[in-house]
Amino acid sequence: MKIELNRSSHIPLSQQIHQALADRILSGYFPKGSRLPSVRKLAGLLHVSPVTVIHALDMLEKEKLVTRIQGKGTFVYEQRTDGQEGQQQDPMPLQIPDYIHRSQYLYYNQMPAEFNFASSSVDPALLPTKLLAESIQHLARHQPEILAQYGEIQGDLELRQVLAKYLTQESLFTTPQEILVTNGSQQGIDLVARSFIGPGDVVVTEEPTYAAAIDVFRSRGAAVVSVPMDEEGMRIDKLTALLDTYTPKLVYTIPTFQNPTGKVMSVRRRKQLLELANELGFLILEDDPWSEIYYDETPPPHIKSMDTSGSVIYLKGLSKILSPGCRIGFLIASVNILNRLIVAKTNADLGNPLLNQKVILPILESNRIGRQLGELRSTLKKRRDLTLKLLGQQAPAGTSWIVPKGGFNLWISLPDWANTNELLGEAEKRNVTYLPGSSCYPGEMEWNHLRISFSFVDEDHLKRGIRELCALIDSYLSSPEERKGLTPLF
């Protein structure tokens, strides 16, 4: 276990230690029931005072991530029967210290389930797999040399030309020279972090935010600071107040159908954020996973469409709406920024597979992409409306949710005392999975939220799965004194 502390950060050392240990507990690096290193050992390893370590353990105990037993040590929380205390086995020590952050382990490592509400992706039956298969067959017959060629590191020129044309429909006017093709949007986040974020830098995100982005920024040694949202998205007044303490290098935002909450940043706040970036010289990474999937009205213009100074890097993934198997995403940035991103891309993988890029071209070049998006909007709107109807009929008192105007997800909140990590263990026994909201908080976690995705399951599974989930929540909320009887999932 290698924990690096940023001693020049405004974040207290005890809070940094708490976050690092919480990440490892939630990921399973420290198994349930295992004993943590002693206060003295942790203080020595981290070169801090024992009091600092004790403060970190106090926070973990308050969150019920650990149990402290006088004279025996600190143990990762596990439900025990009488007489078992102190019998835990220490985890096998890792021989080679690593620098991997594990806070998002739950995001990617859930058990398979019949009612999969955890996967924020599209039901494969709704994607144009037949057209993609036909495209592969055509390429194999008529352009087999593609299988023996490397593509351009920046991305296939023909694809970049088509993407530039496609984006004009989004009022994003760009050129192929300003586009970098990536291996999905996740790589885009990583390339930006590799290029512009280093130890001690500050990255600002919404609270909560896309879980898989958090560790990318932390892995660069950045302090990730979050800003709360309201019905207009990120609160710019809170961000402005934050600037009295922090000087951000980057603001990461999902302004349209935000993941995980589904909120939409207003035009006014988009302009305010861009003005701040221009005044203070920080970058904005605008992540746009699914702005085309709107249900009530078209969303506001992209922040990048208003950018005249090159402060915004626009990130788009096509996996969600077209083909997860091809893993195509792209970035748009001013040429001087893009040149640095291309260097990072070179170091990462020397470019995307050419075949994957050519396969999706026929769909993007034709009117088929418009029909595909229209069909997706129609079907997913029905699934969203069905989910909202079922929750309205079956969710117990004390449960609330945000009505998403687009995207794939629905953010559900339980009473403050609830713990959806705790609830997940029981849910999986009933063949139901969801994303615990704690995965989406880069700082102080909130435990009483969960995200369900209605895009991956068909209507029959929605009906049965929501019934199971609501019954489970009802049982949990009806017996708060018994909630410790559920097995937490770490």
Protein backbone atom coordinates (compact mmCIF):
# COMPACT_ATOMS: atom_id res chain seq x y z
CA MET A 1 0.00 0.00 0.00
CA LYS A 2 1.49 3.31 -1.10
CA ILE A 3 -0.26 6.46 0.09
CA GLU A 4 1.07 9.77 -1.17
CA LEU A 5 0.16 12.88 0.78
CA ASN A 6 0.16 16.37 -0.69
CA ARG A 7 1.57 18.48 2.13
CA SER A 8 1.05 21.74 0.23
CA SER A 9 -2.66 21.07 -0.30
CA HIS A 10 -5.39 22.96 1.50
CA ILE A 11 -6.96 19.57 2.26
CA PRO A 12 -5.92 18.46 5.78
CA LEU A 13 -3.57 15.47 5.99
CA SER A 14 -6.06 13.57 8.16
CA GLN A 15 -8.70 13.95 5.44
CA GLN A 16 -6.27 12.78 2.75
CA ILE A 17 -5.43 9.69 4.85
CA HIS A 18 -9.13 9.05 5.46
CA GLN A 19 -9.86 9.22 1.73
CA ALA A 20 -7.00 6.88 0.82
CA LEU A 21 -8.02 4.28 3.39
CA ALA A 22 -11.72 4.59 2.49
CA ASP A 23 -10.86 3.95 -1.17
CA ARG A 24 -8.99 0.79 -0.27
CA ILE A 25 -11.72 -0.47 2.04
CA LEU A 26 -14.48 0.10 -0.49
CA SER A 27 -12.43 -1.58 -3.21
CA GLY A 28 -11.76 -4.72 -1.19
CA TYR A 29 -8.00 -4.10 -0.95
CA PHE A 30 -8.60 -4.43 2.78
CA PRO A 31 -11.08 -7.36 3.01
CA LYS A 32 -14.05 -7.28 5.35
CA GLY A 33 -12.98 -8.16 8.86
CA SER A 34 -9.27 -7.52 8.20
CA ARG A 35 -7.15 -5.48 10.55
CA LEU A 36 -5.72 -2.16 9.42
CA PRO A 37 -2.10 -1.26 10.21
CA SER A 38 -1.71 0.13 13.69
CA VAL A 39 -1.80 3.85 14.40
CA ARG A 40 1.92 3.80 15.15
CA LYS A 41 2.73 1.96 11.92
CA LEU A 42 0.57 4.23 9.77
CA ALA A 43 2.07 7.32 11.40
CA GLY A 44 5.56 6.03 10.66
CA LEU A 45 4.79 5.06 7.06
CA LEU A 46 3.16 8.40 6.29
CA HIS A 47 5.49 10.57 8.40
CA VAL A 48 2.65 12.18 10.32
CA SER A 49 1.75 12.36 13.98
CA PRO A 50 -0.33 9.60 15.58
CA VAL A 51 -2.99 12.24 16.32
CA THR A 52 -3.39 12.85 12.56
CA VAL A 53 -3.92 9.13 11.95
CA ILE A 54 -6.41 8.92 14.82
CA HIS A 55 -8.43 11.76 13.30
CA ALA A 56 -8.55 9.85 9.99
CA LEU A 57 -9.70 6.67 11.77
CA ASP A 58 -12.34 8.67 13.63
CA MET A 59 -13.83 9.69 10.26
CA LEU A 60 -13.77 6.10 9.01
CA GLU A 61 -15.49 4.88 12.15
CA LYS A 62 -18.14 7.57 11.87
CA GLU A 63 -18.88 6.31 8.36
CA LYS A 64 -19.06 2.73 9.69
CA LEU A 65 -16.22 1.62 7.45
CA VAL A 66 -14.17 0.40 10.42
CA THR A 67 -14.71 -0.92 13.92
CA ARG A 68 -12.16 -0.09 16.64
CA ILE A 69 -11.75 -2.61 19.43
CA GLN A 70 -9.85 -1.48 22.50
CA GLY A 71 -6.58 -3.38 22.84
CA LYS A 72 -7.03 -5.30 19.58
CA GLY A 73 -6.92 -2.77 16.75
CA THR A 74 -8.98 -1.28 13.94
CA PHE A 75 -10.92 -3.66 11.70
CA VAL A 76 -12.77 -3.24 8.43
CA TYR A 77 -16.45 -3.37 9.28
CA GLU A 78 -18.06 -6.79 9.07
CA GLN A 79 -21.22 -8.12 10.63
CA ARG A 80 -20.15 -10.50 13.38
CA THR A 81 -21.86 -12.95 15.67
CA ASP A 82 -21.06 -12.91 19.40
CA GLY A 83 -17.61 -14.14 20.26
CA GLN A 84 -16.06 -13.43 16.84
CA GLU A 85 -14.48 -10.07 17.61
CA GLY A 86 -10.74 -10.04 17.33
CA GLN A 87 -10.54 -13.26 15.30
CA GLN A 88 -10.05 -11.54 11.93
CA GLN A 89 -7.19 -12.46 9.66
CA ASP A 90 -4.85 -9.77 8.40
CA PRO A 91 -4.84 -9.32 4.62
CA MET A 92 -1.94 -10.82 2.77
CA PRO A 93 0.60 -8.02 2.36
CA LEU A 94 1.19 -6.68 -1.11
CA GLN A 95 4.87 -7.27 -1.85
CA ILE A 96 5.23 -4.47 -4.39
CA PRO A 97 3.62 -1.14 -3.42
CA ASP A 98 1.44 0.31 -6.17
CA TYR A 99 -0.01 3.70 -6.98
CA ILE A 100 -3.44 2.52 -8.12
CA HIS A 101 -6.46 4.30 -6.68
CA ARG A 102 -9.38 2.00 -6.08
CA SER A 103 -12.30 4.22 -5.13
CA GLN A 104 -14.28 3.21 -8.22
CA TYR A 105 -13.96 -0.55 -7.73
CA LEU A 106 -17.70 -0.88 -7.17
CA TYR A 107 -18.31 0.98 -10.42
CA TYR A 108 -16.80 -1.81 -12.48
CA ASN A 109 -16.93 -4.92 -10.32
CA GLN A 110 -20.49 -5.84 -9.58
CA MET A 111 -21.89 -9.32 -9.75
CA PRO A 112 -23.95 -10.29 -12.83
CA ALA A 113 -27.65 -9.93 -12.11
CA GLU A 114 -30.95 -10.50 -13.85
CA PHE A 115 -32.01 -6.92 -13.10
CA ASN A 116 -28.97 -4.89 -14.07
CA PHE A 117 -29.57 -1.25 -13.17
CA ALA A 118 -25.86 -0.62 -12.62
CA SER A 119 -24.75 -0.53 -16.26
CA SER A 120 -25.13 2.94 -17.75
CA SER A 121 -25.21 1.68 -21.31
CA VAL A 122 -27.77 0.83 -23.96
CA ASP A 123 -29.62 -2.44 -24.36
CA PRO A 124 -27.69 -4.15 -27.20
CA ALA A 125 -31.00 -4.83 -28.96
CA LEU A 126 -31.36 -1.07 -29.53
CA LEU A 127 -27.99 -0.60 -31.24
CA PRO A 128 -27.35 -0.95 -35.02
CA THR A 129 -25.39 -4.19 -34.72
CA LYS A 130 -26.68 -5.54 -38.05
CA LEU A 131 -25.43 -2.47 -39.92
CA LEU A 132 -22.08 -2.69 -38.14
CA ALA A 133 -21.77 -6.37 -39.09
CA GLU A 134 -22.53 -5.53 -42.72
CA SER A 135 -19.88 -2.80 -42.61
CA ILE A 136 -17.28 -5.27 -41.31
CA GLN A 137 -18.15 -7.76 -44.06
CA HIS A 138 -17.88 -5.06 -46.73
CA LEU A 139 -14.48 -3.94 -45.45
CA ALA A 140 -13.22 -7.50 -45.32
CA ARG A 141 -14.26 -8.12 -48.94
CA HIS A 142 -13.31 -4.81 -50.51
CA GLN A 143 -10.60 -3.30 -48.27
CA PRO A 144 -8.83 -6.21 -46.55
CA GLU A 145 -5.60 -4.20 -46.49
CA ILE A 146 -7.07 -2.25 -43.57
CA LEU A 147 -6.33 -5.28 -41.40
CA ALA A 148 -2.63 -4.86 -42.16
CA GLN A 149 -2.39 -1.10 -41.60
CA TYR A 150 -1.85 1.20 -38.66
CA GLY A 151 -4.08 4.25 -38.56
CA GLU A 152 -3.04 7.84 -38.00
CA ILE A 153 -2.32 8.60 -34.36
CA GLN A 154 -4.69 11.57 -34.48
CA GLY A 155 -7.38 9.36 -35.98
CA ASP A 156 -8.44 8.37 -39.46
CA LEU A 157 -8.75 11.54 -41.55
CA GLU A 158 -11.92 10.35 -43.25
CA LEU A 159 -13.54 9.74 -39.86
CA ARG A 160 -12.44 13.14 -38.57
CA GLN A 161 -13.93 14.81 -41.64
CA VAL A 162 -17.23 13.01 -41.10
CA LEU A 163 -17.23 13.89 -37.38
CA ALA A 164 -16.62 17.57 -38.16
CA LYS A 165 -19.61 17.54 -40.51
CA TYR A 166 -21.77 15.66 -37.98
CA LEU A 167 -20.99 18.22 -35.28
CA THR A 168 -22.35 21.11 -37.32
CA GLN A 169 -25.80 19.71 -36.43
CA GLU A 170 -24.83 20.40 -32.80
CA SER A 171 -23.74 23.97 -33.65
CA LEU A 172 -20.16 22.89 -33.03
CA PHE A 173 -18.15 24.22 -35.93
CA THR A 174 -14.75 22.61 -36.03
CA THR A 175 -12.20 21.20 -38.45
CA PRO A 176 -10.63 17.74 -38.78
CA GLN A 177 -7.36 19.29 -37.57
CA GLU A 178 -8.98 20.09 -34.18
CA ILE A 179 -10.26 16.54 -33.60
CA LEU A 180 -8.43 13.70 -31.87
CA VAL A 181 -9.98 10.22 -32.01
CA THR A 182 -9.71 8.33 -28.72
CA ASN A 183 -10.32 4.84 -27.43
CA GLY A 184 -13.63 5.84 -25.86
CA SER A 185 -14.31 8.91 -23.75
CA GLN A 186 -12.55 7.38 -20.75
CA GLN A 187 -9.26 7.58 -22.60
CA GLY A 188 -10.05 11.18 -23.43
CA ILE A 189 -10.25 12.03 -19.73
CA ASP A 190 -6.99 10.20 -19.15
CA LEU A 191 -5.20 12.00 -22.00
CA VAL A 192 -6.25 15.40 -20.67
CA ALA A 193 -5.08 14.44 -17.19
CA ARG A 194 -1.75 13.12 -18.49
CA SER A 195 -1.17 16.28 -20.49
CA PHE A 196 -2.21 18.99 -18.05
CA ILE A 197 -2.57 17.64 -14.50
CA GLY A 198 0.27 16.94 -12.10
CA PRO A 199 0.97 16.61 -8.36
CA GLY A 200 -0.53 19.44 -6.37
CA ASP A 201 -2.82 20.68 -9.16
CA VAL A 202 -6.46 21.26 -8.34
CA VAL A 203 -9.30 19.74 -10.39
CA VAL A 204 -12.84 20.92 -9.72
CA THR A 205 -15.81 18.66 -10.44
CA GLU A 206 -19.51 18.69 -9.83
CA GLU A 207 -20.78 16.94 -6.69
CA PRO A 208 -21.56 14.14 -7.34
CA THR A 209 -19.75 13.36 -10.59
CA TYR A 210 -18.86 10.59 -13.03
CA ALA A 211 -17.22 7.96 -10.84
CA ALA A 212 -14.58 6.76 -13.30
CA ALA A 213 -13.12 10.26 -13.75
CA ILE A 214 -12.26 10.66 -10.07
CA ASP A 215 -9.41 8.16 -9.92
CA VAL A 216 -7.93 9.42 -13.19
CA PHE A 217 -7.39 12.85 -11.65
CA ARG A 218 -6.22 11.43 -8.34
CA SER A 219 -3.72 9.19 -10.12
CA ARG A 220 -1.99 12.34 -11.35
CA GLY A 221 -1.58 13.58 -7.79
CA ALA A 222 -4.32 16.18 -8.11
CA ALA A 223 -6.56 17.43 -5.34
CA VAL A 224 -10.13 16.84 -6.54
CA VAL A 225 -12.48 19.46 -5.11
CA SER A 226 -16.22 19.30 -5.73
CA VAL A 227 -18.92 21.94 -6.13
CA PRO A 228 -22.57 21.22 -5.30
CA MET A 229 -25.37 21.50 -7.85
CA ASP A 230 -28.94 22.70 -7.89
CA GLU A 231 -31.63 22.61 -10.59
CA GLU A 232 -29.40 24.74 -12.87
CA GLY A 233 -26.37 22.48 -12.52
CA MET A 234 -23.04 23.42 -10.98
CA ARG A 235 -23.45 26.33 -8.57
CA ILE A 236 -21.18 29.03 -9.93
CA ASP A 237 -21.52 31.07 -6.72
CA LYS A 238 -20.04 28.15 -4.78
CA LEU A 239 -17.30 27.75 -7.37
CA THR A 240 -16.47 31.45 -7.14
CA ALA A 241 -16.22 31.21 -3.35
CA LEU A 242 -13.95 28.19 -3.77
CA LEU A 243 -11.58 30.25 -5.88
CA ASP A 244 -10.65 32.29 -2.80
CA THR A 245 -8.90 29.15 -1.51
CA TYR A 246 -8.04 27.09 -4.59
CA THR A 247 -6.59 27.89 -8.00
CA PRO A 248 -7.91 25.18 -10.31
CA LYS A 249 -5.99 23.89 -13.29
CA LEU A 250 -9.10 22.21 -14.72
CA VAL A 251 -12.85 22.16 -14.22
CA TYR A 252 -14.41 18.85 -15.27
CA THR A 253 -18.12 19.10 -16.01
CA ILE A 254 -20.91 17.05 -17.58
CA PRO A 255 -23.29 19.93 -18.24
CA THR A 256 -25.92 18.03 -20.24
CA PHE A 257 -27.86 15.23 -18.50
CA GLN A 258 -25.15 15.02 -15.90
CA ASN A 259 -23.90 11.64 -14.78
CA PRO A 260 -25.12 10.48 -12.26
CA THR A 261 -27.91 12.99 -11.50
CA GLY A 262 -29.32 13.77 -14.97
CA LYS A 263 -29.25 17.54 -14.26
CA VAL A 264 -28.75 20.13 -17.00
CA MET A 265 -26.56 23.21 -16.58
CA SER A 266 -28.43 26.34 -17.65
CA VAL A 267 -27.19 28.57 -20.47
CA ARG A 268 -26.53 31.32 -17.94
CA ARG A 269 -24.24 29.15 -15.88
CA ARG A 270 -22.45 27.79 -18.94
CA LYS A 271 -21.57 31.35 -19.88
CA GLN A 272 -20.52 32.19 -16.32
CA LEU A 273 -18.24 29.16 -16.15
CA LEU A 274 -16.64 30.07 -19.46
CA GLU A 275 -16.12 33.66 -18.30
CA LEU A 276 -14.36 32.43 -15.15
CA ALA A 277 -12.12 30.15 -17.20
CA ASN A 278 -11.12 33.02 -19.46
CA GLU A 279 -10.48 35.36 -16.53
CA LEU A 280 -8.48 32.94 -14.38
CA GLY A 281 -6.82 30.81 -17.06
CA PHE A 282 -8.08 27.34 -16.19
CA LEU A 283 -9.25 24.70 -18.66
CA ILE A 284 -12.78 23.30 -18.92
CA LEU A 285 -13.18 19.65 -19.85
CA GLU A 286 -16.75 19.36 -21.15
CA ASP A 287 -17.80 15.71 -21.15
CA ASP A 288 -20.78 14.97 -23.38
CA PRO A 289 -21.78 11.29 -23.24
CA TRP A 290 -25.37 11.54 -24.52
CA SER A 291 -26.67 15.05 -25.23
CA GLU A 292 -28.50 13.65 -28.30
CA ILE A 293 -30.69 11.52 -26.01
CA TYR A 294 -33.15 14.17 -24.87
CA TYR A 295 -36.77 13.47 -23.94
CA ASP A 296 -38.55 16.78 -23.43
CA GLU A 297 -36.65 19.48 -25.30
CA THR A 298 -33.29 19.94 -26.94
CA PRO A 299 -30.59 20.83 -24.39
CA PRO A 300 -28.73 24.16 -24.23
CA PRO A 301 -25.78 24.78 -26.56
CA HIS A 302 -22.49 23.13 -25.69
CA ILE A 303 -20.02 25.23 -23.74
CA LYS A 304 -17.50 24.54 -26.51
CA SER A 305 -19.82 26.20 -29.03
CA MET A 306 -19.46 29.47 -27.09
CA ASP A 307 -15.69 29.17 -26.64
CA THR A 308 -13.66 31.77 -28.56
CA SER A 309 -10.43 31.62 -26.55
CA GLY A 310 -9.62 27.89 -26.57
CA SER A 311 -10.41 27.35 -22.88
CA VAL A 312 -12.71 24.37 -23.50
CA ILE A 313 -11.82 20.80 -24.42
CA TYR A 314 -14.91 19.01 -25.67
CA LEU A 315 -15.12 15.26 -25.12
CA LYS A 316 -17.57 12.97 -26.86
CA GLY A 317 -18.04 9.20 -26.75
CA LEU A 318 -19.88 7.22 -29.41
CA SER A 319 -19.92 3.95 -27.47
CA LYS A 320 -23.15 4.78 -25.63
CA ILE A 321 -25.18 5.61 -28.73
CA LEU A 322 -23.55 3.55 -31.46
CA SER A 323 -21.12 0.75 -30.65
CA PRO A 324 -19.47 -0.13 -27.33
CA GLY A 325 -17.44 -2.77 -29.18
CA CYS A 326 -15.74 -0.22 -31.42
CA ARG A 327 -14.81 2.05 -28.48
CA ILE A 328 -14.67 5.29 -30.47
CA GLY A 329 -14.60 8.68 -28.79
CA PHE A 330 -13.04 11.98 -29.69
CA LEU A 331 -11.79 15.29 -28.35
CA ILE A 332 -12.10 18.75 -29.85
CA ALA A 333 -9.56 21.35 -28.78
CA SER A 334 -7.65 24.30 -30.17
CA VAL A 335 -4.62 23.17 -32.15
CA ASN A 336 -2.02 24.22 -29.57
CA ILE A 337 -3.81 22.14 -26.89
CA LEU A 338 -4.57 19.29 -29.27
CA ASN A 339 -0.89 18.94 -30.21
CA ARG A 340 -0.08 18.12 -26.58
CA LEU A 341 -2.95 15.65 -26.41
CA ILE A 342 -1.65 13.93 -29.54
CA VAL A 343 1.72 13.45 -27.83
CA ALA A 344 -0.06 11.84 -24.87
CA LYS A 345 -2.04 9.64 -27.26
CA THR A 346 1.21 8.61 -28.96
CA ASN A 347 2.67 7.52 -25.64
CA ALA A 348 -0.53 5.68 -24.71
CA ASP A 349 -1.26 3.49 -27.72
CA LEU A 350 0.00 4.95 -31.03
CA GLY A 351 -3.57 5.39 -32.24
CA ASN A 352 -6.92 3.59 -32.40
CA PRO A 353 -7.34 0.43 -34.51
CA LEU A 354 -8.10 1.52 -38.06
CA LEU A 355 -10.74 -1.18 -38.54
CA ASN A 356 -12.83 0.10 -35.62
CA GLN A 357 -12.83 3.60 -37.09
CA LYS A 358 -13.77 2.50 -40.61
CA VAL A 359 -16.58 0.25 -39.39
CA ILE A 360 -18.72 3.12 -38.04
CA LEU A 361 -18.18 5.40 -41.05
CA PRO A 362 -21.19 4.24 -43.12
CA ILE A 363 -23.59 4.96 -40.26
CA LEU A 364 -22.15 8.42 -39.62
CA GLU A 365 -21.98 9.30 -43.31
CA SER A 366 -25.61 8.42 -44.02
CA ASN A 367 -28.91 9.51 -42.58
CA ARG A 368 -28.89 6.31 -40.53
CA ILE A 369 -27.31 8.06 -37.54
CA GLY A 370 -30.27 10.45 -37.37
CA ARG A 371 -32.75 7.58 -37.46
CA GLN A 372 -30.71 5.67 -34.89
CA LEU A 373 -30.78 8.57 -32.47
CA GLY A 374 -34.47 9.20 -33.05
CA GLU A 375 -35.32 5.56 -32.34
CA LEU A 376 -33.16 5.59 -29.21
CA ARG A 377 -34.84 8.74 -27.90
CA SER A 378 -38.29 7.26 -28.45
CA THR A 379 -37.56 3.89 -26.83
CA LEU A 380 -35.58 5.24 -23.89
CA LYS A 381 -38.19 7.92 -23.18
CA LYS A 382 -40.76 5.12 -22.81
CA ARG A 383 -38.44 3.28 -20.43
CA ARG A 384 -37.77 6.45 -18.44
CA ASP A 385 -41.49 7.17 -18.17
CA LEU A 386 -42.20 3.59 -17.15
CA THR A 387 -39.51 3.76 -14.48
CA LEU A 388 -40.92 7.00 -13.10
CA LYS A 389 -44.44 5.54 -13.08
CA LEU A 390 -43.32 2.40 -11.25
CA LEU A 391 -41.38 4.39 -8.68
CA GLY A 392 -44.37 6.64 -8.15
CA GLN A 393 -46.54 3.60 -7.48
CA GLN A 394 -44.15 1.41 -5.51
CA ALA A 395 -41.37 3.44 -3.89
CA PRO A 396 -41.81 3.77 -0.11
CA ALA A 397 -42.18 7.05 1.74
CA GLY A 398 -38.84 8.74 2.31
CA THR A 399 -37.62 7.93 -1.19
CA SER A 400 -37.12 10.74 -3.72
CA TRP A 401 -35.61 11.05 -7.18
CA ILE A 402 -34.65 13.54 -9.88
CA VAL A 403 -36.62 13.37 -13.13
CA PRO A 404 -34.00 13.23 -15.91
CA LYS A 405 -34.73 15.20 -19.08
CA GLY A 406 -32.33 13.03 -21.03
CA GLY A 407 -29.57 10.46 -20.69
CA PHE A 408 -29.72 6.96 -19.25
CA ASN A 409 -29.83 7.37 -15.48
CA LEU A 410 -32.09 8.16 -12.55
CA TRP A 411 -30.69 9.43 -9.22
CA ILE A 412 -32.56 8.16 -6.17
CA SER A 413 -32.16 9.44 -2.61
CA LEU A 414 -33.09 7.69 0.62
CA PRO A 415 -33.25 9.27 4.10
CA ASP A 416 -29.96 10.67 5.39
CA TRP A 417 -29.32 7.75 7.73
CA ALA A 418 -29.51 5.15 4.94
CA ASN A 419 -26.46 3.51 3.41
CA THR A 420 -26.87 2.20 -0.13
CA ASN A 421 -23.52 0.40 0.01
CA GLU A 422 -24.99 -1.58 2.87
CA LEU A 423 -28.18 -2.18 0.91
CA LEU A 424 -26.36 -3.44 -2.19
CA GLY A 425 -25.29 -6.72 -0.60
CA GLU A 426 -28.92 -7.63 0.01
CA ALA A 427 -29.97 -6.36 -3.43
CA GLU A 428 -27.52 -8.69 -5.15
CA LYS A 429 -29.04 -11.63 -3.29
CA ARG A 430 -32.28 -10.70 -5.06
CA ASN A 431 -30.59 -10.44 -8.46
CA VAL A 432 -30.70 -6.62 -8.51
CA THR A 433 -27.68 -4.36 -9.03
CA TYR A 434 -27.31 -0.57 -8.99
CA LEU A 435 -24.50 1.94 -8.50
CA PRO A 436 -24.08 3.14 -4.89
CA GLY A 437 -23.97 6.93 -4.89
CA SER A 438 -20.87 7.00 -2.69
CA SER A 439 -18.82 6.04 -5.77
CA CYS A 440 -19.60 9.43 -7.28
CA TYR A 441 -18.22 11.67 -4.52
CA PRO A 442 -14.58 12.76 -4.83
CA GLY A 443 -14.49 14.17 -1.31
CA GLU A 444 -16.73 13.63 1.67
CA MET A 445 -19.06 10.83 0.65
CA GLU A 446 -22.82 10.76 0.90
CA TRP A 447 -24.11 7.25 1.48
CA ASN A 448 -27.87 7.58 1.01
CA HIS A 449 -28.06 7.82 -2.79
CA LEU A 450 -28.08 5.29 -5.61
CA ARG A 451 -28.08 5.50 -9.39
CA ILE A 452 -30.18 3.21 -11.54
CA SER A 453 -29.93 3.03 -15.32
CA PHE A 454 -33.13 2.29 -17.22
CA SER A 455 -31.37 2.05 -20.60
CA PHE A 456 -29.90 -1.45 -20.34
CA VAL A 457 -32.97 -3.51 -19.41
CA ASP A 458 -36.14 -4.15 -21.40
CA GLU A 459 -39.59 -3.20 -20.16
CA ASP A 460 -40.37 -6.59 -18.65
CA HIS A 461 -37.17 -6.55 -16.61
CA LEU A 462 -37.84 -2.93 -15.65
CA LYS A 463 -41.23 -3.85 -14.21
CA ARG A 464 -39.98 -6.84 -12.24
CA GLY A 465 -36.68 -5.27 -11.23
CA ILE A 466 -38.16 -2.00 -9.96
CA ARG A 467 -40.70 -4.03 -7.96
CA GLU A 468 -37.86 -5.99 -6.33
CA LEU A 469 -35.82 -2.85 -5.68
CA CYS A 470 -38.72 -0.96 -4.14
CA ALA A 471 -39.62 -3.92 -1.93
CA LEU A 472 -36.04 -4.10 -0.74
CA ILE A 473 -35.90 -0.37 0.00
CA ASP A 474 -39.23 -0.55 1.80
CA SER A 475 -37.98 -3.37 4.02
CA TYR A 476 -34.77 -1.48 4.72
CA LEU A 477 -36.46 1.81 5.60
CA SER A 478 -39.15 0.10 7.68
CA SER A 479 -36.59 -1.39 10.07
CA PRO A 480 -33.84 1.15 10.67
CA GLU A 481 -32.91 -0.56 13.93
CA GLU A 482 -32.17 -3.73 11.95
CA ARG A 483 -30.24 -2.18 9.09
CA LYS A 484 -26.91 -3.32 10.50
CA GLY A 485 -28.10 -6.82 9.80
CA LEU A 486 -27.52 -6.27 6.09
CA THR A 487 -24.11 -7.17 4.80
CA PRO A 488 -22.15 -4.15 3.51
CA LEU A 489 -20.45 -4.55 0.16
CA PHE A 490 -16.91 -3.19 0.19
